[in-house]
Amino acid sequence: MKASIHKIAAIAMALLVFFSTMSFTVDMHYCGDHLVDFSLSSNVDTCLMNAKMTKSPSDCPMMEMKMDCCSDVEVVFEGHDDLKLSLDHYSFDQHVFVVSFVYAYINLFEGFEADEVYFKDYSPPPLIRDVQVLHQTFLI
């Protein structure tokens, strides 16, 4: 149960960091109040109204020359870029502190022999009387 909670929390934090650092752009093309094209990955296609407006005024009759009601909207979602810290921002005193802390922390733990038996030279105390039989208390 505890391991699964740790895994879920780790995945949630990883997704949080991923989505907070991700940046993307949304391009939308409106003609009037209507959304004509929508894109997450590339530029949107423009409608024919822009193509008519790009002609020179001498080529088009006055009836086709309307106000351009098309508009392109670009929404940019920028992620955080300040999550990675470089070592260039640390002063000499901070370097000394980190090195001394790591050195002291590593030397805090001393290795020991797991096979070492400390009581091999000692014998158990002599059994003067059997207390369980004396009081008639037996574990079943």
Protein backbone atom coordinates (compact mmCIF):
# COMPACT_ATOMS: atom_id res chain seq x y z
CA MET A 1 0.00 0.00 0.00
CA LYS A 2 2.77 2.41 0.97
CA ALA A 3 4.83 1.58 -2.11
CA SER A 4 1.89 2.23 -4.44
CA ILE A 5 1.22 5.60 -2.78
CA HIS A 6 4.89 6.52 -3.27
CA LYS A 7 4.72 5.51 -6.94
CA ILE A 8 1.55 7.54 -7.51
CA ALA A 9 3.06 10.58 -5.78
CA ALA A 10 6.28 10.28 -7.80
CA ILE A 11 4.37 10.07 -11.08
CA ALA A 12 2.17 13.03 -10.10
CA MET A 13 5.21 15.16 -9.24
CA ALA A 14 6.96 14.17 -12.47
CA LEU A 15 3.88 15.17 -14.49
CA LEU A 16 3.63 18.43 -12.57
CA VAL A 17 7.24 19.31 -13.39
CA PHE A 18 6.77 18.21 -17.01
CA PHE A 19 3.64 20.31 -17.59
CA SER A 20 4.99 23.34 -15.72
CA THR A 21 8.12 23.44 -17.88
CA MET A 22 6.42 22.67 -21.19
CA SER A 23 5.66 25.59 -23.49
CA PHE A 24 3.48 25.59 -26.60
CA THR A 25 1.73 27.91 -29.00
CA VAL A 26 -1.90 27.89 -30.13
CA ASP A 27 -2.67 29.57 -33.47
CA MET A 28 -6.28 30.49 -34.29
CA HIS A 29 -7.75 32.15 -37.37
CA TYR A 30 -11.05 34.01 -37.03
CA CYS A 31 -13.25 35.33 -39.81
CA GLY A 32 -15.58 37.71 -38.06
CA ASP A 33 -16.67 35.99 -34.88
CA HIS A 34 -16.29 32.46 -36.26
CA LEU A 35 -13.27 30.26 -35.64
CA VAL A 36 -12.11 29.01 -39.04
CA ASP A 37 -8.83 27.22 -38.24
CA PHE A 38 -7.06 26.06 -35.10
CA SER A 39 -3.53 24.65 -34.79
CA LEU A 40 -1.21 23.54 -32.00
CA SER A 41 1.79 22.59 -34.10
CA SER A 42 1.96 24.80 -37.19
CA ASN A 43 0.65 28.04 -38.63
CA VAL A 44 -3.02 28.22 -39.45
CA ASP A 45 -4.39 28.45 -42.98
CA THR A 46 -5.87 31.80 -43.92
CA CYS A 47 -9.26 32.08 -45.53
CA LEU A 48 -10.07 33.42 -48.99
CA MET A 49 -10.90 36.90 -47.73
CA ASN A 50 -7.21 37.63 -47.20
CA ALA A 51 -6.44 36.36 -50.69
CA LYS A 52 -8.97 38.78 -52.18
CA MET A 53 -7.56 41.66 -50.18
CA THR A 54 -3.99 41.04 -51.33
CA LYS A 55 -4.87 41.87 -54.93
CA SER A 56 -4.11 45.33 -56.10
CA PRO A 57 -7.08 47.75 -56.11
CA SER A 58 -6.92 48.09 -59.92
CA ASP A 59 -7.54 44.34 -60.41
CA CYS A 60 -10.59 44.16 -58.16
CA PRO A 61 -13.85 45.96 -58.69
CA MET A 62 -14.98 48.22 -55.85
CA MET A 63 -17.68 45.74 -54.82
CA GLU A 64 -15.13 43.14 -53.70
CA MET A 65 -13.07 45.58 -51.64
CA LYS A 66 -14.47 45.09 -48.17
CA MET A 67 -12.86 45.66 -44.81
CA ASP A 68 -10.77 42.72 -43.78
CA CYS A 69 -12.69 41.00 -41.01
CA CYS A 70 -10.25 38.12 -40.63
CA SER A 71 -7.79 38.05 -37.79
CA ASP A 72 -5.06 35.71 -36.58
CA VAL A 73 -4.69 35.10 -32.87
CA GLU A 74 -1.58 33.51 -31.44
CA VAL A 75 -1.60 32.44 -27.80
CA VAL A 76 1.78 31.48 -26.33
CA PHE A 77 2.01 29.46 -23.12
CA GLU A 78 5.56 29.74 -21.78
CA GLY A 79 6.92 27.22 -19.31
CA HIS A 80 9.31 27.89 -16.47
CA ASP A 81 12.95 27.93 -17.47
CA ASP A 82 14.45 28.50 -14.03
CA LEU A 83 14.26 24.93 -12.70
CA LYS A 84 17.81 24.02 -13.64
CA LEU A 85 20.39 25.75 -11.50
CA SER A 86 23.92 26.01 -12.79
CA LEU A 87 27.04 25.97 -10.67
CA ASP A 88 28.09 29.38 -11.98
CA HIS A 89 25.77 31.16 -9.53
CA TYR A 90 27.44 29.77 -6.39
CA SER A 91 30.06 31.70 -4.52
CA PHE A 92 33.28 30.24 -3.13
CA ASP A 93 31.82 30.12 0.39
CA GLN A 94 28.86 28.07 -0.83
CA HIS A 95 31.21 25.66 -2.60
CA VAL A 96 33.22 25.22 0.61
CA PHE A 97 30.04 24.57 2.58
CA VAL A 98 28.74 21.96 0.12
CA VAL A 99 32.06 20.13 -0.05
CA SER A 100 32.47 20.07 3.75
CA PHE A 101 28.86 18.94 4.23
CA VAL A 102 29.22 16.07 1.76
CA TYR A 103 32.55 15.02 3.28
CA ALA A 104 31.12 15.05 6.82
CA TYR A 105 27.95 13.21 5.76
CA ILE A 106 29.83 10.45 3.93
CA ASN A 107 32.21 9.93 6.85
CA LEU A 108 29.30 9.79 9.29
CA PHE A 109 28.57 6.20 8.34
CA GLU A 110 31.25 3.68 9.17
CA GLY A 111 31.28 0.27 7.62
CA PHE A 112 30.94 -2.76 9.88
CA GLU A 113 31.35 -6.48 9.49
CA ALA A 114 28.00 -8.21 9.34
CA ASP A 115 29.54 -11.62 10.15
CA GLU A 116 31.21 -10.44 13.35
CA VAL A 117 29.84 -12.22 16.44
CA TYR A 118 30.38 -10.18 19.58
CA PHE A 119 29.29 -12.78 22.15
CA LYS A 120 31.36 -15.76 20.97
CA ASP A 121 33.73 -15.53 23.95
CA TYR A 122 30.97 -15.38 26.57
CA SER A 123 29.04 -18.32 27.94
CA PRO A 124 25.41 -18.03 29.07
CA PRO A 125 24.72 -17.67 32.78
CA PRO A 126 24.32 -20.89 34.69
CA LEU A 127 20.79 -22.22 35.08
CA ILE A 128 20.21 -22.59 38.78
CA ARG A 129 16.58 -23.56 38.59
CA ASP A 130 13.96 -23.76 35.89
CA VAL A 131 11.63 -20.82 36.68
CA GLN A 132 8.91 -21.92 34.27
CA VAL A 133 8.62 -25.34 35.87
CA LEU A 134 8.84 -23.81 39.33
CA HIS A 135 5.87 -21.47 38.71
CA GLN A 136 4.16 -23.85 36.24
CA THR A 137 3.84 -21.23 33.48
CA PHE A 138 4.12 -22.81 30.07
CA LEU A 139 3.66 -21.22 26.70
CA ILE A 140 1.34 -23.18 24.48
